[in-house]
C-alpha atoms as a PDB file:
ATOM      1  CA  MET A   1     107.158 105.724 115.782  1.00  0.00           C
ATOM      2  CA  GLU A   2     105.755 106.127 112.318  1.00  0.00           C
ATOM      3  CA  ILE A   3     106.379 103.373 109.827  1.00  0.00           C
ATOM      4  CA  SER A   4     107.885 104.518 106.567  1.00  0.00           C
ATOM      5  CA  LYS A   5     107.967 102.621 103.289  1.00  0.00           C
ATOM      6  CA  THR A   6     111.041 104.558 102.221  1.00  0.00           C
ATOM      7  CA  VAL A   7     113.146 104.319 105.381  1.00  0.00           C
ATOM      8  CA  ALA A   8     116.868 104.504 104.685  1.00  0.00           C
ATOM      9  CA  GLU A   9     118.273 101.018 104.993  1.00  0.00           C
ATOM     10  CA  SER A  10     121.941 101.749 104.336  1.00  0.00           C
ATOM     11  CA  GLY A  11     124.207 100.208 106.927  1.00  0.00           C
ATOM     12  CA  ILE A  12     121.474  98.168 108.579  1.00  0.00           C
ATOM     13  CA  SER A  13     122.524  94.574 109.156  1.00  0.00           C
ATOM     14  CA  PHE A  14     119.805  93.396 111.564  1.00  0.00           C
ATOM     15  CA  GLU A  15     116.152  93.015 110.579  1.00  0.00           C
ATOM     16  CA  ILE A  16     113.052  91.492 112.172  1.00  0.00           C
ATOM     17  CA  ILE A  17     110.158  90.728 109.832  1.00  0.00           C
ATOM     18  CA  PHE A  18     106.491  90.056 110.540  1.00  0.00           C
ATOM     19  CA  VAL A  19     104.702  87.931 107.960  1.00  0.00           C
ATOM     20  CA  GLY A  20     101.262  86.361 107.747  1.00  0.00           C
ATOM     21  CA  ARG A  21      97.931  86.146 105.994  1.00  0.00           C
ATOM     22  CA  SER A  22      95.693  89.137 105.582  1.00  0.00           C
ATOM     23  CA  ASN A  23      93.520  89.873 108.602  1.00  0.00           C
ATOM     24  CA  VAL A  24      95.579  87.894 111.133  1.00  0.00           C
ATOM     25  CA  GLY A  25      96.286  91.047 113.153  1.00  0.00           C
ATOM     26  CA  LYS A  26      99.881  91.906 112.178  1.00  0.00           C
ATOM     27  CA  SER A  27      99.252  95.644 112.272  1.00  0.00           C
ATOM     28  CA  SER A  28      97.590  95.481 115.687  1.00  0.00           C
ATOM     29  CA  LEU A  29     100.444  93.344 116.938  1.00  0.00           C
ATOM     30  CA  LEU A  30     103.100  95.823 115.805  1.00  0.00           C
ATOM     31  CA  ARG A  31     101.218  98.722 117.364  1.00  0.00           C
ATOM     32  CA  GLU A  32     101.072  96.895 120.704  1.00  0.00           C
ATOM     33  CA  LEU A  33     104.593  95.514 120.525  1.00  0.00           C
ATOM     34  CA  ILE A  34     106.676  98.514 119.510  1.00  0.00           C
ATOM     35  CA  GLY A  35     104.196 101.383 119.307  1.00  0.00           C
ATOM     36  CA  ALA A  36     104.463 101.529 115.530  1.00  0.00           C
ATOM     37  CA  LYS A  37     101.618 103.292 113.744  1.00  0.00           C
ATOM     38  CA  VAL A  38     101.091 100.928 110.863  1.00  0.00           C
ATOM     39  CA  ARG A  39      99.234 102.241 107.846  1.00  0.00           C
ATOM     40  CA  ILE A  40      96.323  99.923 107.100  1.00  0.00           C
ATOM     41  CA  GLY A  41      94.706  99.742 103.674  1.00  0.00           C
ATOM     42  CA  LYS A  42      90.948 100.193 103.310  1.00  0.00           C
ATOM     43  CA  ARG A  43      90.758  96.587 102.210  1.00  0.00           C
ATOM     44  CA  PRO A  44      93.217  93.662 102.026  1.00  0.00           C
ATOM     45  CA  GLY A  45      95.471  93.363  99.002  1.00  0.00           C
ATOM     46  CA  LEU A  46      96.042  97.053  98.377  1.00  0.00           C
ATOM     47  CA  THR A  47      99.542  97.121  99.819  1.00  0.00           C
ATOM     48  CA  LEU A  48     102.257  95.283  97.918  1.00  0.00           C
ATOM     49  CA  ARG A  49     105.325  96.822  99.549  1.00  0.00           C
ATOM     50  CA  PRO A  50     106.884  96.039 102.916  1.00  0.00           C
ATOM     51  CA  ALA A  51     106.516  98.795 105.512  1.00  0.00           C
ATOM     52  CA  HIS A  52     109.530  99.573 107.694  1.00  0.00           C
ATOM     53  CA  VAL A  53     110.341 101.205 110.988  1.00  0.00           C
ATOM     54  CA  GLN A  54     113.871 101.630 112.286  1.00  0.00           C
ATOM     55  CA  ILE A  55     114.581 101.079 115.977  1.00  0.00           C
ATOM     56  CA  SER A  56     118.160 101.834 116.944  1.00  0.00           C
ATOM     57  CA  ASP A  57     120.147  99.978 114.260  1.00  0.00           C
ATOM     58  CA  VAL A  58     117.385  97.420 113.674  1.00  0.00           C
ATOM     59  CA  LEU A  59     114.856  97.405 110.861  1.00  0.00           C
ATOM     60  CA  VAL A  60     111.396  96.087 111.772  1.00  0.00           C
ATOM     61  CA  THR A  61     109.425  95.153 108.671  1.00  0.00           C
ATOM     62  CA  ASP A  62     105.710  94.535 108.248  1.00  0.00           C
ATOM     63  CA  MET A  63     105.281  92.391 105.144  1.00  0.00           C
ATOM     64  CA  PRO A  64     102.083  92.612 103.043  1.00  0.00           C
ATOM     65  CA  GLY A  65      99.431  90.073 104.007  1.00  0.00           C
ATOM     66  CA  PHE A  66      99.326  87.043 101.739  1.00  0.00           C
ATOM     67  CA  GLY A  67      96.798  84.325 100.935  1.00  0.00           C
ATOM     68  CA  PHE A  68      93.126  84.578 100.008  1.00  0.00           C
ATOM     69  CA  MET A  69      91.745  88.105 100.103  1.00  0.00           C
ATOM     70  CA  SER A  70      88.093  88.762  99.394  1.00  0.00           C
ATOM     71  CA  GLY A  71      87.648  90.899  96.288  1.00  0.00           C
ATOM     72  CA  VAL A  72      91.291  90.538  95.212  1.00  0.00           C
ATOM     73  CA  LYS A  73      92.153  88.652  92.032  1.00  0.00           C
ATOM     74  CA  ASP A  74      94.159  85.432  92.324  1.00  0.00           C
ATOM     75  CA  ARG A  75      96.971  86.909  90.244  1.00  0.00           C
ATOM     76  CA  LYS A  76      97.448  89.772  92.664  1.00  0.00           C
ATOM     77  CA  GLN A  77      97.432  87.344  95.580  1.00  0.00           C
ATOM     78  CA  ASP A  78     100.219  85.399  93.869  1.00  0.00           C
ATOM     79  CA  ILE A  79     102.184  88.611  93.309  1.00  0.00           C
ATOM     80  CA  VAL A  80     102.038  89.442  97.028  1.00  0.00           C
ATOM     81  CA  LYS A  81     103.312  85.970  97.934  1.00  0.00           C
ATOM     82  CA  ASP A  82     106.079  86.073  95.298  1.00  0.00           C
ATOM     83  CA  LYS A  83     107.232  89.529  96.401  1.00  0.00           C
ATOM     84  CA  THR A  84     107.349  88.365 100.015  1.00  0.00           C
ATOM     85  CA  VAL A  85     109.431  85.309  99.110  1.00  0.00           C
ATOM     86  CA  HIS A  86     111.816  87.370  96.964  1.00  0.00           C
ATOM     87  CA  TYR A  87     112.221  89.998  99.671  1.00  0.00           C
ATOM     88  CA  ILE A  88     113.132  87.332 102.219  1.00  0.00           C
ATOM     89  CA  GLU A  89     115.533  85.617  99.825  1.00  0.00           C
ATOM     90  CA  ASP A  90     117.220  88.894  98.893  1.00  0.00           C
ATOM     91  CA  ASN A  91     117.641  89.979 102.515  1.00  0.00           C
ATOM     92  CA  ALA A  92     118.099  86.616 104.265  1.00  0.00           C
ATOM     93  CA  GLU A  93     121.532  87.552 105.645  1.00  0.00           C
ATOM     94  CA  ARG A  94     120.103  90.666 107.271  1.00  0.00           C
ATOM     95  CA  ILE A  95     116.846  89.108 108.528  1.00  0.00           C
ATOM     96  CA  ARG A  96     117.709  87.629 111.899  1.00  0.00           C
ATOM     97  CA  ILE A  97     114.200  86.916 113.220  1.00  0.00           C
ATOM     98  CA  GLY A  98     110.951  86.116 111.415  1.00  0.00           C
ATOM     99  CA  VAL A  99     107.620  86.261 113.223  1.00  0.00           C
ATOM    100  CA  LEU A 100     104.893  84.338 111.382  1.00  0.00           C
ATOM    101  CA  VAL A 101     101.550  85.616 112.638  1.00  0.00           C
ATOM    102  CA  ILE A 102      98.608  83.231 112.348  1.00  0.00           C
ATOM    103  CA  ASP A 103      94.937  83.355 113.291  1.00  0.00           C
ATOM    104  CA  GLY A 104      95.128  80.762 116.071  1.00  0.00           C
ATOM    105  CA  PRO A 105      91.468  79.683 116.240  1.00  0.00           C
ATOM    106  CA  ALA A 106      91.109  79.454 112.450  1.00  0.00           C
ATOM    107  CA  PHE A 107      94.509  77.947 111.653  1.00  0.00           C
ATOM    108  CA  PRO A 108      93.702  74.207 111.751  1.00  0.00           C
ATOM    109  CA  GLN A 109      90.639  74.657 109.514  1.00  0.00           C
ATOM    110  CA  ILE A 110      92.578  76.829 107.045  1.00  0.00           C
ATOM    111  CA  VAL A 111      95.362  74.268 106.772  1.00  0.00           C
ATOM    112  CA  ASP A 112      92.901  71.374 106.407  1.00  0.00           C
ATOM    113  CA  ARG A 113      91.083  73.243 103.641  1.00  0.00           C
ATOM    114  CA  TRP A 114      94.310  73.538 101.654  1.00  0.00           C
ATOM    115  CA  ASP A 115      95.211  69.910 102.365  1.00  0.00           C
ATOM    116  CA  SER A 116      91.817  68.763 101.069  1.00  0.00           C
ATOM    117  CA  ARG A 117      92.719  70.368  97.725  1.00  0.00           C
ATOM    118  CA  ASN A 118      96.114  68.607  97.751  1.00  0.00           C
ATOM    119  CA  GLN A 119      97.848  71.953  98.081  1.00  0.00           C
ATOM    120  CA  ILE A 120     100.565  72.959 100.529  1.00  0.00           C
ATOM    121  CA  PRO A 121      99.033  75.438 102.994  1.00  0.00           C
ATOM    122  CA  ILE A 122     100.699  78.796 102.444  1.00  0.00           C
ATOM    123  CA  ASP A 123     101.273  79.369 106.178  1.00  0.00           C
ATOM    124  CA  VAL A 124     103.040  76.026 106.539  1.00  0.00           C
ATOM    125  CA  GLU A 125     105.019  76.703 103.371  1.00  0.00           C
ATOM    126  CA  MET A 126     106.152  80.060 104.780  1.00  0.00           C
ATOM    127  CA  PHE A 127     107.109  78.497 108.124  1.00  0.00           C
ATOM    128  CA  ASP A 128     109.257  75.890 106.392  1.00  0.00           C
ATOM    129  CA  PHE A 129     110.734  78.473 104.015  1.00  0.00           C
ATOM    130  CA  LEU A 130     111.823  80.844 106.793  1.00  0.00           C
ATOM    131  CA  ARG A 131     113.602  78.037 108.589  1.00  0.00           C
ATOM    132  CA  GLU A 132     115.162  76.683 105.407  1.00  0.00           C
ATOM    133  CA  VAL A 133     116.865  80.011 104.686  1.00  0.00           C
ATOM    134  CA  GLY A 134     118.242  80.082 108.226  1.00  0.00           C
ATOM    135  CA  ILE A 135     115.968  82.655 109.854  1.00  0.00           C
ATOM    136  CA  GLU A 136     115.071  82.214 113.535  1.00  0.00           C
ATOM    137  CA  THR A 137     111.308  81.727 113.310  1.00  0.00           C
ATOM    138  CA  ILE A 138     108.588  82.352 115.875  1.00  0.00           C
ATOM    139  CA  ILE A 139     104.911  81.492 115.440  1.00  0.00           C
ATOM    140  CA  ALA A 140     102.648  84.153 116.954  1.00  0.00           C
ATOM    141  CA  ALA A 141      99.291  82.416 117.369  1.00  0.00           C
ATOM    142  CA  ASN A 142      97.040  85.468 117.555  1.00  0.00           C
ATOM    143  CA  LYS A 143      93.390  85.895 118.621  1.00  0.00           C
ATOM    144  CA  MET A 144      93.708  83.332 121.399  1.00  0.00           C
ATOM    145  CA  ASP A 145      91.362  85.451 123.515  1.00  0.00           C
ATOM    146  CA  LYS A 146      88.560  83.881 121.457  1.00  0.00           C
ATOM    147  CA  VAL A 147      89.424  80.391 122.718  1.00  0.00           C
ATOM    148  CA  ARG A 148      87.795  78.835 125.775  1.00  0.00           C
ATOM    149  CA  THR A 149      90.134  77.793 128.561  1.00  0.00           C
ATOM    150  CA  ASN A 150      89.405  74.084 128.155  1.00  0.00           C
ATOM    151  CA  GLU A 151      90.048  74.307 124.400  1.00  0.00           C
ATOM    152  CA  TYR A 152      93.300  76.264 124.681  1.00  0.00           C
ATOM    153  CA  ASP A 153      95.874  73.460 124.867  1.00  0.00           C
ATOM    154  CA  PRO A 154      94.026  71.141 122.436  1.00  0.00           C
ATOM    155  CA  LEU A 155      93.926  73.943 119.846  1.00  0.00           C
ATOM    156  CA  LEU A 156      97.626  74.704 120.257  1.00  0.00           C
ATOM    157  CA  ASP A 157      98.356  70.975 119.922  1.00  0.00           C
ATOM    158  CA  GLU A 158      96.453  71.007 116.612  1.00  0.00           C
ATOM    159  CA  ILE A 159      98.427  74.054 115.468  1.00  0.00           C
ATOM    160  CA  ALA A 160     101.697  72.268 116.273  1.00  0.00           C
ATOM    161  CA  ILE A 161     100.562  69.200 114.322  1.00  0.00           C
ATOM    162  CA  ARG A 162      99.686  71.291 111.252  1.00  0.00           C
ATOM    163  CA  LEU A 163     103.156  72.854 111.390  1.00  0.00           C
ATOM    164  CA  GLY A 164     104.788  69.427 111.442  1.00  0.00           C
ATOM    165  CA  LEU A 165     105.733  69.668 115.129  1.00  0.00           C
ATOM    166  CA  GLU A 166     105.061  66.647 117.334  1.00  0.00           C
ATOM    167  CA  PRO A 167     102.576  67.535 120.110  1.00  0.00           C
ATOM    168  CA  PRO A 168     102.162  68.494 122.856  1.00  0.00           C
ATOM    169  CA  TRP A 169     102.647  72.110 121.832  1.00  0.00           C
ATOM    170  CA  ARG A 170     104.330  72.876 125.158  1.00  0.00           C
ATOM    171  CA  ASN A 171     107.389  71.050 123.840  1.00  0.00           C
ATOM    172  CA  TRP A 172     107.596  73.894 121.323  1.00  0.00           C
ATOM    173  CA  LYS A 173     107.104  76.884 123.619  1.00  0.00           C
ATOM    174  CA  HIS A 174     110.421  78.199 122.249  1.00  0.00           C
ATOM    175  CA  ILE A 175     108.703  78.500 118.851  1.00  0.00           C
ATOM    176  CA  ILE A 176     104.954  78.933 119.457  1.00  0.00           C
ATOM    177  CA  ALA A 177     103.723  82.038 121.278  1.00  0.00           C
ATOM    178  CA  PRO A 178      99.962  82.217 121.995  1.00  0.00           C
ATOM    179  CA  ILE A 179      98.936  85.883 122.045  1.00  0.00           C
ATOM    180  CA  SER A 180      96.062  88.328 121.741  1.00  0.00           C
ATOM    181  CA  ALA A 181      97.186  91.547 120.080  1.00  0.00           C
ATOM    182  CA  LYS A 182      93.748  93.080 120.482  1.00  0.00           C
ATOM    183  CA  LYS A 183      93.863  92.522 124.258  1.00  0.00           C
ATOM    184  CA  GLY A 184      97.525  93.495 124.528  1.00  0.00           C
ATOM    185  CA  GLU A 185      98.439  90.010 125.744  1.00  0.00           C
ATOM    186  CA  LEU A 186     101.891  89.615 124.215  1.00  0.00           C
ATOM    187  CA  LYS A 187     103.924  88.235 127.118  1.00  0.00           C
ATOM    188  CA  ALA A 188     104.735  84.927 125.385  1.00  0.00           C
ATOM    189  CA  LEU A 189     105.907  86.628 122.189  1.00  0.00           C
ATOM    190  CA  LYS A 190     107.958  89.242 124.014  1.00  0.00           C
ATOM    191  CA  GLY A 191     109.634  86.460 125.964  1.00  0.00           C
ATOM    192  CA  LEU A 192     110.608  84.561 122.819  1.00  0.00           C
ATOM    193  CA  LEU A 193     111.853  87.705 121.086  1.00  0.00           C
ATOM    194  CA  ARG A 194     114.006  88.565 124.086  1.00  0.00           C
ATOM    195  CA  ASP A 195     115.355  85.015 124.203  1.00  0.00           C
ATOM    196  CA  ARG A 196     116.437  85.297 120.568  1.00  0.00           C
ATOM    197  CA  LEU A 197     117.899  88.772 121.060  1.00  0.00           C
ATOM    198  CA  HIS A 198     119.826  87.582 124.119  1.00  0.00           C
ATOM    199  CA  GLU A 199     121.294  84.693 122.118  1.00  0.00           C
ATOM    200  CA  MET A 200     122.342  87.250 119.500  1.00  0.00           C
ATOM    201  CA  LYS A 201     123.924  89.425 122.217  1.00  0.00           C
ATOM    202  CA  ARG A 202     121.418  92.212 121.637  1.00  0.00           C
ATOM    203  CA  ASP A 203     120.069  92.745 125.157  1.00  0.00           C
ATOM    204  CA  ASP A 204     120.261  96.459 124.388  1.00  0.00           C
ATOM    205  CA  LEU A 205     117.056  96.056 122.371  1.00  0.00           C
ATOM    206  CA  PHE A 206     115.003  94.810 125.347  1.00  0.00           C
ATOM    207  CA  LYS A 207     113.904  98.361 126.131  1.00  0.00           C
ATOM    208  CA  TYR A 208     112.029  98.530 122.832  1.00  0.00           C
ATOM    209  CA  ILE A 209     110.087  95.274 123.325  1.00  0.00           C
END
């Protein structure tokens, strides 16, 4: 399936979006998850528009990466974030599931860096925003293949804490899915997506995930 930026959206009332910082592996995740050939820019910050693929009557949307991007002016970074927020607001009724992809190993340090500047971390802000507008939200903690076995649960506990979720993280396995897109290890995410689809009476979509 080839992703198109100009896919016809008329009549579509069910959308799943993938959001996250630049370089967290969203494109790799979508390729592994649904076989979508996502167009990747030569460097972060070049793409400002969402990219879409239609599966059955469902629109799957890859949102532009937000946050700090090396070599990209602050103003453009703000534009990407604003466009993402406006897109979600404008299509909140249609967006049934939001997958926030994070770089698992780097997430606690990124959040702490923002906190040290007395700023709300953009990932946390997006997590809260998605839930505030009523979108079922899943955290895909990517790149977990880089984490040692004995550091796995402690890291996920730290991720939960940064998201405002009381540890242990295993209490939030219905929200947090540790994955490795690069290794094709997506079982946790697929399980959560299917749980949400089942609740929405869309078991017919299981064959695509």
